[in-house]
């Protein structure tokens, strides 16, 4: 299949690391572009759930580009902190914060709560719209259980990976494992594989 024959989707994000991870998970049979490739800024995410925010992003991208759109709304949830950072994972320290700044904000929240570590899970919601007015979006979700510690380790990944320690021994972070291994077990990998199953079923029913 040549590049001109590939289906074209827009990823409703300007996060280059997320795009690279999604491209690896989806393979090379689809041509992906970001909002920035189309000169689009990210819409305001004012939903109250991961699904609502993913729908907001996917619909905005499809409306402007006219392309099928895939949105990923993800975050890390710490029950001991009443679910924080949750929906605000990308801006936990403040709007526009860097990953290290958000990590430090979470470390401080744990310390303020008297915790060296806490149970946590990464969450990912994938929403796919075939067009902006698609009444039946494909929605898939994935969870990745672990712990967050106040000690960071590793240089890989992004987001809270340096402080997200993996079960069962909690000695290795998601920033310390190869990208291919992460894709096999992560919240995003789980959600993408579920999405692919649902998309294949939809296409089979046509």
N, C-alpha and C. Protein backbone atom coordinates (compact mmCIF):
# COMPACT_ATOMS: atom_id res chain seq x y z
N UNK A 1 0.85 -1.20 0.00
CA UNK A 1 0.00 0.00 0.00
C UNK A 1 0.88 1.24 0.00
N UNK A 2 0.68 2.12 -0.99
CA UNK A 2 1.46 3.35 -1.04
C UNK A 2 0.89 4.36 -0.05
N UNK A 3 1.70 5.41 0.24
CA UNK A 3 1.24 6.43 1.18
C UNK A 3 -0.07 7.07 0.73
N UNK A 4 -0.22 7.24 -0.60
CA UNK A 4 -1.44 7.90 -1.11
C UNK A 4 -2.67 7.02 -0.95
N UNK A 5 -2.47 5.70 -0.75
CA UNK A 5 -3.59 4.78 -0.60
C UNK A 5 -3.96 4.54 0.86
N UNK A 6 -3.13 4.97 1.76
CA UNK A 6 -3.38 4.73 3.18
C UNK A 6 -4.57 5.56 3.66
N UNK A 7 -5.40 4.99 4.54
CA UNK A 7 -6.42 5.82 5.21
C UNK A 7 -5.74 6.94 5.99
N UNK A 8 -6.35 8.10 6.00
CA UNK A 8 -5.79 9.24 6.71
C UNK A 8 -6.66 9.57 7.91
N UNK A 9 -6.04 9.58 9.08
CA UNK A 9 -6.73 9.95 10.31
C UNK A 9 -5.99 11.12 10.95
N UNK A 10 -6.74 11.93 11.66
CA UNK A 10 -6.11 12.97 12.47
C UNK A 10 -6.16 12.54 13.93
N UNK A 11 -5.03 12.65 14.60
CA UNK A 11 -4.95 12.39 16.03
C UNK A 11 -5.23 13.71 16.75
N UNK A 12 -6.23 13.73 17.60
CA UNK A 12 -6.66 14.97 18.25
C UNK A 12 -5.72 15.32 19.40
N UNK A 13 -4.47 15.57 19.04
CA UNK A 13 -3.45 15.89 20.04
C UNK A 13 -2.29 16.59 19.36
N UNK A 14 -1.54 17.36 20.14
CA UNK A 14 -0.28 17.93 19.66
C UNK A 14 0.90 17.36 20.43
N UNK A 15 0.66 16.28 21.17
CA UNK A 15 1.70 15.64 21.96
C UNK A 15 2.48 14.67 21.06
N UNK A 16 3.71 15.05 20.72
CA UNK A 16 4.50 14.25 19.77
C UNK A 16 4.83 12.87 20.32
N UNK A 17 5.07 12.78 21.63
CA UNK A 17 5.39 11.48 22.22
C UNK A 17 4.17 10.56 22.19
N UNK A 18 3.00 11.15 22.42
CA UNK A 18 1.77 10.35 22.33
C UNK A 18 1.53 9.89 20.90
N UNK A 19 1.78 10.79 19.92
CA UNK A 19 1.62 10.43 18.52
C UNK A 19 2.54 9.27 18.16
N UNK A 20 3.80 9.33 18.60
CA UNK A 20 4.75 8.26 18.28
C UNK A 20 4.29 6.93 18.88
N UNK A 21 3.74 6.98 20.09
CA UNK A 21 3.27 5.76 20.74
C UNK A 21 2.05 5.20 20.01
N UNK A 22 1.15 6.08 19.60
CA UNK A 22 -0.04 5.64 18.87
C UNK A 22 0.34 5.07 17.50
N UNK A 23 1.31 5.71 16.84
CA UNK A 23 1.74 5.21 15.53
C UNK A 23 2.32 3.81 15.66
N UNK A 24 3.10 3.59 16.71
CA UNK A 24 3.67 2.27 16.93
C UNK A 24 2.57 1.24 17.19
N UNK A 25 1.56 1.63 17.96
CA UNK A 25 0.48 0.71 18.29
C UNK A 25 -0.43 0.42 17.10
N UNK A 26 -0.66 1.43 16.27
CA UNK A 26 -1.58 1.27 15.14
C UNK A 26 -0.91 0.70 13.90
N UNK A 27 0.43 0.77 13.84
CA UNK A 27 1.15 0.27 12.68
C UNK A 27 1.25 1.30 11.58
N UNK A 28 1.80 0.87 10.45
CA UNK A 28 2.08 1.82 9.36
C UNK A 28 1.04 1.78 8.24
N UNK A 29 -0.11 1.15 8.48
CA UNK A 29 -1.13 1.07 7.43
C UNK A 29 -2.04 2.29 7.42
N UNK A 30 -1.86 3.17 8.41
CA UNK A 30 -2.68 4.37 8.52
C UNK A 30 -1.76 5.58 8.57
N UNK A 31 -2.10 6.61 7.81
CA UNK A 31 -1.33 7.85 7.84
C UNK A 31 -1.93 8.76 8.91
N UNK A 32 -1.14 9.04 9.93
CA UNK A 32 -1.61 9.86 11.04
C UNK A 32 -1.06 11.27 10.93
N UNK A 33 -1.87 12.23 11.33
CA UNK A 33 -1.42 13.62 11.45
C UNK A 33 -1.91 14.15 12.79
N UNK A 34 -1.30 15.23 13.24
CA UNK A 34 -1.69 15.85 14.50
C UNK A 34 -2.48 17.14 14.24
N UNK A 35 -3.02 17.70 15.29
CA UNK A 35 -3.70 18.99 15.17
C UNK A 35 -2.75 20.05 14.61
N UNK A 36 -1.50 20.02 15.07
CA UNK A 36 -0.51 21.01 14.63
C UNK A 36 -0.26 20.92 13.13
N UNK A 37 -0.31 19.71 12.58
CA UNK A 37 -0.12 19.54 11.14
C UNK A 37 -1.19 20.27 10.34
N UNK A 38 -2.33 20.49 10.96
CA UNK A 38 -3.44 21.18 10.30
C UNK A 38 -3.61 22.61 10.81
N UNK A 39 -2.67 23.07 11.61
CA UNK A 39 -2.74 24.42 12.15
C UNK A 39 -3.86 24.63 13.14
N UNK A 40 -4.18 23.58 13.90
CA UNK A 40 -5.30 23.63 14.85
C UNK A 40 -4.77 23.61 16.27
N UNK A 41 -5.34 24.43 17.12
CA UNK A 41 -5.02 24.39 18.54
C UNK A 41 -5.94 23.40 19.24
N UNK A 42 -5.48 22.87 20.36
CA UNK A 42 -6.30 21.92 21.12
C UNK A 42 -7.53 22.63 21.68
N UNK A 43 -8.70 22.01 21.62
CA UNK A 43 -9.91 22.64 22.17
C UNK A 43 -9.88 22.62 23.69
N UNK A 44 -10.72 23.44 24.28
CA UNK A 44 -10.84 23.43 25.74
C UNK A 44 -11.47 22.11 26.19
N UNK A 45 -10.82 21.46 27.13
CA UNK A 45 -11.32 20.18 27.65
C UNK A 45 -12.08 20.45 28.94
N UNK A 46 -13.38 20.68 28.82
CA UNK A 46 -14.17 21.05 29.99
C UNK A 46 -15.17 19.95 30.38
N UNK A 47 -14.93 18.73 29.91
CA UNK A 47 -15.76 17.61 30.33
C UNK A 47 -15.45 17.19 31.75
N UNK A 48 -16.29 16.35 32.30
CA UNK A 48 -16.11 15.87 33.68
C UNK A 48 -15.62 14.43 33.74
N UNK A 49 -15.45 13.82 32.56
CA UNK A 49 -14.95 12.45 32.49
C UNK A 49 -13.94 12.34 31.35
N UNK A 50 -13.15 11.27 31.37
CA UNK A 50 -12.22 11.02 30.28
C UNK A 50 -12.96 10.87 28.95
N UNK A 51 -14.11 10.20 28.97
CA UNK A 51 -14.88 10.00 27.74
C UNK A 51 -15.36 11.33 27.17
N UNK A 52 -15.89 12.19 28.03
CA UNK A 52 -16.37 13.49 27.55
C UNK A 52 -15.24 14.29 26.91
N UNK A 53 -14.10 14.33 27.56
CA UNK A 53 -12.98 15.10 27.01
C UNK A 53 -12.48 14.51 25.70
N UNK A 54 -12.44 13.19 25.60
CA UNK A 54 -12.00 12.56 24.35
C UNK A 54 -12.98 12.88 23.22
N UNK A 55 -14.27 12.87 23.52
CA UNK A 55 -15.27 13.22 22.50
C UNK A 55 -15.12 14.66 22.05
N UNK A 56 -14.88 15.56 23.00
CA UNK A 56 -14.68 16.97 22.66
C UNK A 56 -13.53 17.12 21.68
N UNK A 57 -12.42 16.46 21.98
CA UNK A 57 -11.23 16.57 21.14
C UNK A 57 -11.44 15.93 19.77
N UNK A 58 -12.04 14.75 19.77
CA UNK A 58 -12.24 14.05 18.50
C UNK A 58 -13.19 14.82 17.58
N UNK A 59 -14.26 15.35 18.14
CA UNK A 59 -15.23 16.08 17.32
C UNK A 59 -14.63 17.36 16.76
N UNK A 60 -13.88 18.08 17.57
CA UNK A 60 -13.25 19.32 17.11
C UNK A 60 -12.28 19.03 15.96
N UNK A 61 -11.50 17.97 16.09
CA UNK A 61 -10.53 17.63 15.04
C UNK A 61 -11.22 17.23 13.75
N UNK A 62 -12.29 16.43 13.86
CA UNK A 62 -13.01 15.98 12.67
C UNK A 62 -13.72 17.14 11.98
N UNK A 63 -14.27 18.06 12.76
CA UNK A 63 -14.98 19.20 12.19
C UNK A 63 -14.06 20.07 11.34
N UNK A 64 -12.86 20.32 11.83
CA UNK A 64 -11.95 21.23 11.14
C UNK A 64 -11.26 20.56 9.95
N UNK A 65 -10.88 19.29 10.10
CA UNK A 65 -10.09 18.62 9.06
C UNK A 65 -10.93 17.86 8.04
N UNK A 66 -12.14 17.46 8.43
CA UNK A 66 -12.94 16.61 7.56
C UNK A 66 -12.46 15.18 7.51
N UNK A 67 -11.52 14.83 8.39
CA UNK A 67 -10.95 13.48 8.43
C UNK A 67 -11.53 12.68 9.59
N UNK A 68 -11.49 11.35 9.50
CA UNK A 68 -11.76 10.56 10.70
C UNK A 68 -10.79 10.96 11.79
N UNK A 69 -11.25 10.98 13.01
CA UNK A 69 -10.38 11.46 14.10
C UNK A 69 -10.34 10.46 15.24
N UNK A 70 -9.17 10.39 15.85
CA UNK A 70 -8.96 9.54 17.01
C UNK A 70 -8.44 10.40 18.14
N UNK A 71 -9.12 10.35 19.26
CA UNK A 71 -8.70 11.11 20.44
C UNK A 71 -8.37 10.16 21.57
N UNK A 72 -7.35 10.53 22.31
CA UNK A 72 -6.90 9.75 23.46
C UNK A 72 -6.94 10.70 24.65
N UNK A 73 -7.77 10.39 25.62
CA UNK A 73 -7.74 11.17 26.86
C UNK A 73 -7.29 10.24 27.97
N UNK A 74 -6.17 10.57 28.57
CA UNK A 74 -5.59 9.68 29.56
C UNK A 74 -5.12 10.44 30.77
N UNK A 75 -4.83 9.70 31.80
CA UNK A 75 -4.32 10.31 33.02
C UNK A 75 -3.99 9.25 34.04
N UNK A 76 -3.46 9.72 35.14
CA UNK A 76 -3.12 8.81 36.23
C UNK A 76 -4.04 9.12 37.41
N UNK A 77 -4.55 8.08 38.03
CA UNK A 77 -5.54 8.21 39.10
C UNK A 77 -4.97 7.61 40.38
N UNK A 78 -4.95 8.42 41.44
CA UNK A 78 -4.44 7.97 42.74
C UNK A 78 -5.59 8.02 43.73
N UNK A 79 -6.21 6.89 44.07
CA UNK A 79 -7.36 6.90 44.97
C UNK A 79 -7.08 7.58 46.31
N UNK A 80 -5.86 7.44 46.84
CA UNK A 80 -5.54 8.06 48.13
C UNK A 80 -5.55 9.58 48.06
N UNK A 81 -5.48 10.13 46.84
CA UNK A 81 -5.55 11.58 46.65
C UNK A 81 -6.88 11.97 46.03
N UNK A 82 -7.93 11.18 46.34
CA UNK A 82 -9.28 11.43 45.85
C UNK A 82 -9.34 11.43 44.32
N UNK A 83 -8.53 10.57 43.71
CA UNK A 83 -8.56 10.42 42.26
C UNK A 83 -7.63 11.34 41.49
N UNK A 84 -6.99 12.27 42.19
CA UNK A 84 -6.05 13.17 41.51
C UNK A 84 -4.82 12.38 41.05
N UNK A 85 -4.12 12.90 40.04
CA UNK A 85 -4.41 14.06 39.20
C UNK A 85 -5.61 13.87 38.25
N UNK A 86 -5.92 12.62 37.88
CA UNK A 86 -7.12 12.35 37.10
C UNK A 86 -7.20 13.11 35.79
N UNK A 87 -8.34 13.78 35.58
CA UNK A 87 -8.56 14.53 34.34
C UNK A 87 -7.53 15.63 34.14
N UNK A 88 -6.91 16.06 35.23
CA UNK A 88 -5.99 17.19 35.16
C UNK A 88 -4.53 16.75 35.13
N UNK A 89 -4.29 15.50 34.75
CA UNK A 89 -2.94 14.94 34.78
C UNK A 89 -1.95 15.76 33.96
N UNK A 90 -2.38 16.25 32.80
CA UNK A 90 -1.47 16.99 31.92
C UNK A 90 -1.21 18.41 32.42
N UNK A 91 -2.01 18.87 33.37
CA UNK A 91 -1.86 20.24 33.87
C UNK A 91 -1.99 20.25 35.39
N UNK A 92 -1.47 19.24 36.03
CA UNK A 92 -1.64 19.09 37.48
C UNK A 92 -0.93 20.20 38.25
N UNK A 93 0.26 20.57 37.81
CA UNK A 93 0.99 21.66 38.48
C UNK A 93 0.36 23.00 38.14
N UNK A 94 0.10 23.22 36.87
CA UNK A 94 -0.57 24.42 36.37
C UNK A 94 -0.79 24.23 34.87
N UNK A 95 -1.60 25.07 34.26
CA UNK A 95 -1.85 24.99 32.83
C UNK A 95 -0.55 25.19 32.07
N UNK A 96 -0.23 24.25 31.18
CA UNK A 96 1.00 24.35 30.40
C UNK A 96 2.23 23.80 31.08
N UNK A 97 2.06 23.12 32.21
CA UNK A 97 3.19 22.58 32.96
C UNK A 97 3.89 21.48 32.16
N UNK A 98 5.19 21.32 32.42
CA UNK A 98 5.96 20.25 31.80
C UNK A 98 5.75 18.96 32.58
N UNK A 99 6.16 17.85 31.98
CA UNK A 99 6.06 16.56 32.69
C UNK A 99 6.81 16.59 34.02
N UNK A 100 8.07 17.06 34.07
CA UNK A 100 8.77 17.10 35.36
C UNK A 100 8.05 17.95 36.41
N UNK A 101 7.44 19.05 35.98
CA UNK A 101 6.72 19.90 36.93
C UNK A 101 5.48 19.18 37.47
N UNK A 102 4.77 18.48 36.60
CA UNK A 102 3.61 17.71 37.07
C UNK A 102 4.03 16.59 38.00
N UNK A 103 5.14 15.94 37.68
CA UNK A 103 5.65 14.88 38.56
C UNK A 103 5.98 15.43 39.94
N UNK A 104 6.63 16.58 39.97
CA UNK A 104 6.98 17.17 41.26
C UNK A 104 5.73 17.57 42.04
N UNK A 105 4.70 18.02 41.34
CA UNK A 105 3.44 18.37 42.01
C UNK A 105 2.80 17.13 42.63
N UNK A 106 2.88 16.00 41.93
CA UNK A 106 2.31 14.77 42.48
C UNK A 106 3.15 14.26 43.64
N UNK A 107 4.46 14.35 43.53
CA UNK A 107 5.33 13.96 44.64
C UNK A 107 5.01 14.78 45.88
N UNK A 108 4.82 16.09 45.71
CA UNK A 108 4.49 16.96 46.85
C UNK A 108 3.14 16.58 47.44
N UNK A 109 2.16 16.25 46.59
CA UNK A 109 0.84 15.85 47.10
C UNK A 109 0.94 14.58 47.92
N UNK A 110 1.76 13.63 47.47
CA UNK A 110 1.96 12.40 48.24
C UNK A 110 2.63 12.71 49.57
N UNK A 111 3.67 13.54 49.54
CA UNK A 111 4.38 13.89 50.77
C UNK A 111 3.47 14.64 51.73
N UNK A 112 2.66 15.55 51.21
CA UNK A 112 1.73 16.30 52.07
C UNK A 112 0.71 15.37 52.73
N UNK A 113 0.42 14.26 52.05
CA UNK A 113 -0.51 13.27 52.61
C UNK A 113 0.21 12.25 53.49
N UNK A 114 1.52 12.43 53.68
CA UNK A 114 2.30 11.53 54.51
C UNK A 114 2.57 10.18 53.86
N UNK A 115 2.60 10.16 52.53
CA UNK A 115 2.76 8.90 51.80
C UNK A 115 4.09 8.85 51.05
N UNK A 116 4.77 7.72 51.16
CA UNK A 116 5.95 7.47 50.34
C UNK A 116 5.54 6.89 48.99
N UNK A 117 4.43 6.15 49.00
CA UNK A 117 3.88 5.60 47.77
C UNK A 117 2.38 5.42 47.94
N UNK A 118 1.70 5.18 46.82
CA UNK A 118 0.26 4.95 46.86
C UNK A 118 -0.14 4.12 45.65
N UNK A 119 -1.20 3.33 45.82
CA UNK A 119 -1.76 2.60 44.68
C UNK A 119 -2.23 3.61 43.64
N UNK A 120 -2.07 3.25 42.38
CA UNK A 120 -2.46 4.15 41.30
C UNK A 120 -2.76 3.34 40.05
N UNK A 121 -3.46 3.95 39.13
CA UNK A 121 -3.59 3.32 37.82
C UNK A 121 -3.61 4.40 36.74
N UNK A 122 -2.98 4.06 35.64
CA UNK A 122 -3.11 4.86 34.43
C UNK A 122 -4.43 4.50 33.77
N UNK A 123 -5.11 5.49 33.22
CA UNK A 123 -6.36 5.27 32.49
C UNK A 123 -6.22 5.85 31.09
N UNK A 124 -6.78 5.17 30.11
CA UNK A 124 -6.82 5.69 28.74
C UNK A 124 -8.19 5.45 28.14
N UNK A 125 -8.77 6.49 27.60
CA UNK A 125 -10.00 6.38 26.82
C UNK A 125 -9.68 6.76 25.38
N UNK A 126 -10.02 5.89 24.45
CA UNK A 126 -9.88 6.15 23.02
C UNK A 126 -11.27 6.39 22.44
N UNK A 127 -11.42 7.47 21.68
CA UNK A 127 -12.66 7.74 20.96
C UNK A 127 -12.32 7.92 19.48
N UNK A 128 -13.05 7.22 18.63
CA UNK A 128 -12.84 7.33 17.18
C UNK A 128 -14.13 7.77 16.52
N UNK A 129 -14.05 8.85 15.75
CA UNK A 129 -15.19 9.34 14.98
C UNK A 129 -14.90 9.19 13.50
N UNK A 130 -15.81 8.60 12.76
CA UNK A 130 -15.64 8.46 11.31
C UNK A 130 -15.83 9.80 10.62
N UNK A 131 -16.62 10.66 11.23
CA UNK A 131 -16.85 12.03 10.75
C UNK A 131 -17.37 12.83 11.94
N UNK A 132 -17.43 14.15 11.78
CA UNK A 132 -17.73 15.02 12.92
C UNK A 132 -19.10 14.74 13.54
N UNK A 133 -20.07 14.31 12.72
CA UNK A 133 -21.42 14.07 13.23
C UNK A 133 -21.71 12.59 13.45
N UNK A 134 -20.67 11.80 13.59
CA UNK A 134 -20.81 10.36 13.82
C UNK A 134 -21.64 10.12 15.09
N UNK A 135 -22.83 9.50 14.96
CA UNK A 135 -23.68 9.29 16.14
C UNK A 135 -23.29 8.06 16.96
N UNK A 136 -22.37 7.27 16.41
CA UNK A 136 -22.01 6.00 17.05
C UNK A 136 -20.48 5.88 17.14
N UNK A 137 -19.85 6.72 17.94
CA UNK A 137 -18.39 6.66 18.03
C UNK A 137 -17.92 5.33 18.60
N UNK A 138 -16.74 4.94 18.19
CA UNK A 138 -16.11 3.76 18.78
C UNK A 138 -15.34 4.21 20.01
N UNK A 139 -15.64 3.60 21.14
CA UNK A 139 -15.02 3.98 22.42
C UNK A 139 -14.37 2.75 23.03
N UNK A 140 -13.13 2.91 23.45
CA UNK A 140 -12.40 1.81 24.09
C UNK A 140 -11.61 2.38 25.27
N UNK A 141 -11.44 1.56 26.30
CA UNK A 141 -10.73 2.02 27.49
C UNK A 141 -9.72 0.99 27.97
N UNK A 142 -8.71 1.47 28.65
CA UNK A 142 -7.71 0.59 29.22
C UNK A 142 -7.20 1.11 30.55
N UNK A 143 -6.85 0.19 31.45
CA UNK A 143 -6.28 0.55 32.75
C UNK A 143 -4.96 -0.19 32.96
N UNK A 144 -4.06 0.45 33.69
CA UNK A 144 -2.76 -0.15 34.00
C UNK A 144 -2.50 0.09 35.48
N UNK A 145 -2.54 -0.97 36.26
CA UNK A 145 -2.40 -0.86 37.71
C UNK A 145 -0.93 -0.81 38.12
N UNK A 146 -0.65 -0.04 39.15
CA UNK A 146 0.70 0.05 39.69
C UNK A 146 0.71 0.87 40.96
N UNK A 147 1.85 1.47 41.23
CA UNK A 147 1.98 2.39 42.36
C UNK A 147 2.77 3.61 41.92
N UNK A 148 2.49 4.74 42.54
CA UNK A 148 3.33 5.92 42.37
C UNK A 148 4.15 6.11 43.64
N UNK A 149 5.43 6.37 43.45
CA UNK A 149 6.36 6.60 44.56
C UNK A 149 6.90 8.02 44.47
N UNK A 150 7.42 8.50 45.59
CA UNK A 150 8.02 9.83 45.62
C UNK A 150 9.43 9.83 45.02
N UNK A 151 9.97 8.66 44.72
CA UNK A 151 11.29 8.55 44.09
C UNK A 151 11.11 8.25 42.61
N UNK A 152 11.75 9.05 41.75
CA UNK A 152 11.67 8.85 40.31
C UNK A 152 12.84 8.02 39.80
N UNK A 153 12.57 7.21 38.77
CA UNK A 153 13.60 6.39 38.14
C UNK A 153 13.33 6.28 36.64
N UNK A 154 14.38 6.38 35.83
CA UNK A 154 14.25 6.14 34.40
C UNK A 154 14.12 7.41 33.58
N UNK A 155 14.52 7.30 32.32
CA UNK A 155 14.51 8.45 31.41
C UNK A 155 13.54 8.27 30.24
N UNK A 156 12.95 7.09 30.11
CA UNK A 156 12.08 6.82 28.97
C UNK A 156 10.65 7.26 29.21
N UNK A 157 9.82 6.99 28.20
CA UNK A 157 8.40 7.30 28.33
C UNK A 157 8.11 8.78 28.43
N UNK A 158 6.99 9.10 29.04
CA UNK A 158 6.61 10.51 29.25
C UNK A 158 5.56 10.55 30.35
N UNK A 159 5.09 11.74 30.66
CA UNK A 159 4.10 11.87 31.72
C UNK A 159 4.66 11.45 33.06
N UNK A 160 3.91 10.63 33.77
CA UNK A 160 4.29 10.22 35.12
C UNK A 160 5.10 8.92 35.13
N UNK A 161 5.57 8.49 33.98
CA UNK A 161 6.29 7.22 33.88
C UNK A 161 7.45 7.07 34.87
N UNK A 162 8.25 8.11 35.12
CA UNK A 162 9.39 7.92 36.04
C UNK A 162 9.00 7.61 37.48
N UNK A 163 7.74 7.83 37.84
CA UNK A 163 7.32 7.56 39.22
C UNK A 163 6.23 6.49 39.30
N UNK A 164 5.92 5.86 38.16
CA UNK A 164 4.90 4.81 38.12
C UNK A 164 5.60 3.46 38.14
N UNK A 165 5.49 2.76 39.26
CA UNK A 165 6.20 1.49 39.47
C UNK A 165 5.29 0.31 39.16
N UNK A 166 5.88 -0.69 38.53
CA UNK A 166 5.11 -1.79 37.97
C UNK A 166 4.98 -2.97 38.92
N UNK A 167 3.78 -3.55 38.95
CA UNK A 167 3.54 -4.78 39.69
C UNK A 167 4.29 -5.92 38.99
N UNK A 168 4.65 -7.01 39.69
CA UNK A 168 4.28 -7.27 41.09
C UNK A 168 5.31 -6.82 42.12
N UNK A 169 6.56 -6.49 41.67
CA UNK A 169 7.59 -6.20 42.67
C UNK A 169 7.78 -4.72 42.95
N UNK A 170 7.27 -3.86 42.08
CA UNK A 170 7.34 -2.40 42.28
C UNK A 170 8.78 -1.89 42.44
N UNK A 171 9.68 -2.46 41.64
CA UNK A 171 11.08 -1.99 41.65
C UNK A 171 11.45 -1.29 40.35
N UNK A 172 10.62 -1.46 39.32
CA UNK A 172 10.89 -0.89 38.00
C UNK A 172 9.77 0.06 37.61
N UNK A 173 10.12 1.19 37.01
CA UNK A 173 9.10 2.14 36.56
C UNK A 173 8.82 1.95 35.07
N UNK A 174 7.72 2.54 34.64
CA UNK A 174 7.38 2.46 33.22
C UNK A 174 8.32 3.31 32.37
N UNK A 175 9.16 4.12 33.01
CA UNK A 175 10.18 4.88 32.28
C UNK A 175 11.44 4.06 32.05
N UNK A 176 11.49 2.85 32.60
CA UNK A 176 12.69 2.02 32.51
C UNK A 176 12.54 0.81 31.60
N UNK A 177 11.37 0.63 31.02
CA UNK A 177 11.16 -0.54 30.16
C UNK A 177 11.14 -0.11 28.70
N UNK A 178 11.50 -1.01 27.77
CA UNK A 178 11.48 -0.67 26.35
C UNK A 178 10.08 -0.27 25.88
N UNK A 179 10.04 0.58 24.86
CA UNK A 179 8.75 1.05 24.35
C UNK A 179 7.86 -0.09 23.89
N UNK A 180 8.46 -1.12 23.30
CA UNK A 180 7.65 -2.25 22.82
C UNK A 180 7.04 -3.03 23.98
N UNK A 181 7.79 -3.16 25.08
CA UNK A 181 7.26 -3.84 26.26
C UNK A 181 6.15 -3.01 26.90
N UNK A 182 6.37 -1.71 26.94
CA UNK A 182 5.34 -0.82 27.50
C UNK A 182 4.05 -0.92 26.68
N UNK A 183 4.19 -0.93 25.36
CA UNK A 183 3.01 -0.99 24.49
C UNK A 183 2.20 -2.26 24.72
N UNK A 184 2.88 -3.33 25.12
CA UNK A 184 2.20 -4.61 25.31
C UNK A 184 1.35 -4.65 26.58
N UNK A 185 1.68 -3.80 27.56
CA UNK A 185 1.01 -3.91 28.86
C UNK A 185 0.35 -2.62 29.33
N UNK A 186 0.58 -1.52 28.63
CA UNK A 186 0.12 -0.22 29.13
C UNK A 186 -1.37 0.00 28.91
N UNK A 187 -1.89 0.99 29.60
CA UNK A 187 -3.28 1.42 29.46
C UNK A 187 -3.60 1.78 28.01
N UNK A 188 -2.67 2.47 27.36
CA UNK A 188 -2.90 2.89 25.97
C UNK A 188 -2.87 1.68 25.03
N UNK A 189 -1.94 0.77 25.26
CA UNK A 189 -1.88 -0.44 24.45
C UNK A 189 -3.15 -1.26 24.58
N UNK A 190 -3.64 -1.41 25.81
CA UNK A 190 -4.87 -2.16 26.06
C UNK A 190 -6.05 -1.49 25.35
N UNK A 191 -6.15 -0.16 25.46
CA UNK A 191 -7.26 0.56 24.85
C UNK A 191 -7.20 0.48 23.32
N UNK A 192 -6.01 0.61 22.75
CA UNK A 192 -5.88 0.56 21.29
C UNK A 192 -6.27 -0.82 20.76
N UNK A 193 -5.84 -1.86 21.44
CA UNK A 193 -6.19 -3.21 20.97
C UNK A 193 -7.70 -3.45 21.06
N UNK A 194 -8.33 -2.93 22.10
CA UNK A 194 -9.78 -3.04 22.23
C UNK A 194 -10.46 -2.24 21.12
N UNK A 195 -9.93 -1.05 20.83
CA UNK A 195 -10.47 -0.23 19.74
C UNK A 195 -10.36 -0.96 18.41
N UNK A 196 -9.21 -1.57 18.15
CA UNK A 196 -9.01 -2.27 16.88
C UNK A 196 -10.00 -3.42 16.72
N UNK A 197 -10.30 -4.13 17.81
CA UNK A 197 -11.30 -5.20 17.76
C UNK A 197 -12.67 -4.64 17.39
N UNK A 198 -13.04 -3.52 18.03
CA UNK A 198 -14.35 -2.93 17.78
C UNK A 198 -14.44 -2.38 16.36
N UNK A 199 -13.34 -1.78 15.87
CA UNK A 199 -13.33 -1.25 14.51
C UNK A 199 -13.46 -2.38 13.50
N UNK A 200 -12.75 -3.48 13.73
CA UNK A 200 -12.82 -4.63 12.82
C UNK A 200 -14.23 -5.21 12.79
N UNK A 201 -14.89 -5.26 13.95
CA UNK A 201 -16.26 -5.77 14.01
C UNK A 201 -17.21 -4.85 13.26
N UNK A 202 -17.02 -3.53 13.42
CA UNK A 202 -17.86 -2.57 12.70
C UNK A 202 -17.71 -2.75 11.20
N UNK A 203 -16.47 -2.88 10.74
CA UNK A 203 -16.22 -3.02 9.31
C UNK A 203 -16.78 -4.34 8.79
N UNK A 204 -16.74 -5.39 9.61
CA UNK A 204 -17.27 -6.70 9.21
C UNK A 204 -18.79 -6.66 9.07
N UNK A 205 -19.43 -5.77 9.83
CA UNK A 205 -20.89 -5.69 9.82
C UNK A 205 -21.42 -4.83 8.68
N UNK A 206 -20.54 -4.15 7.96
CA UNK A 206 -20.99 -3.27 6.88
C UNK A 206 -21.53 -4.10 5.70
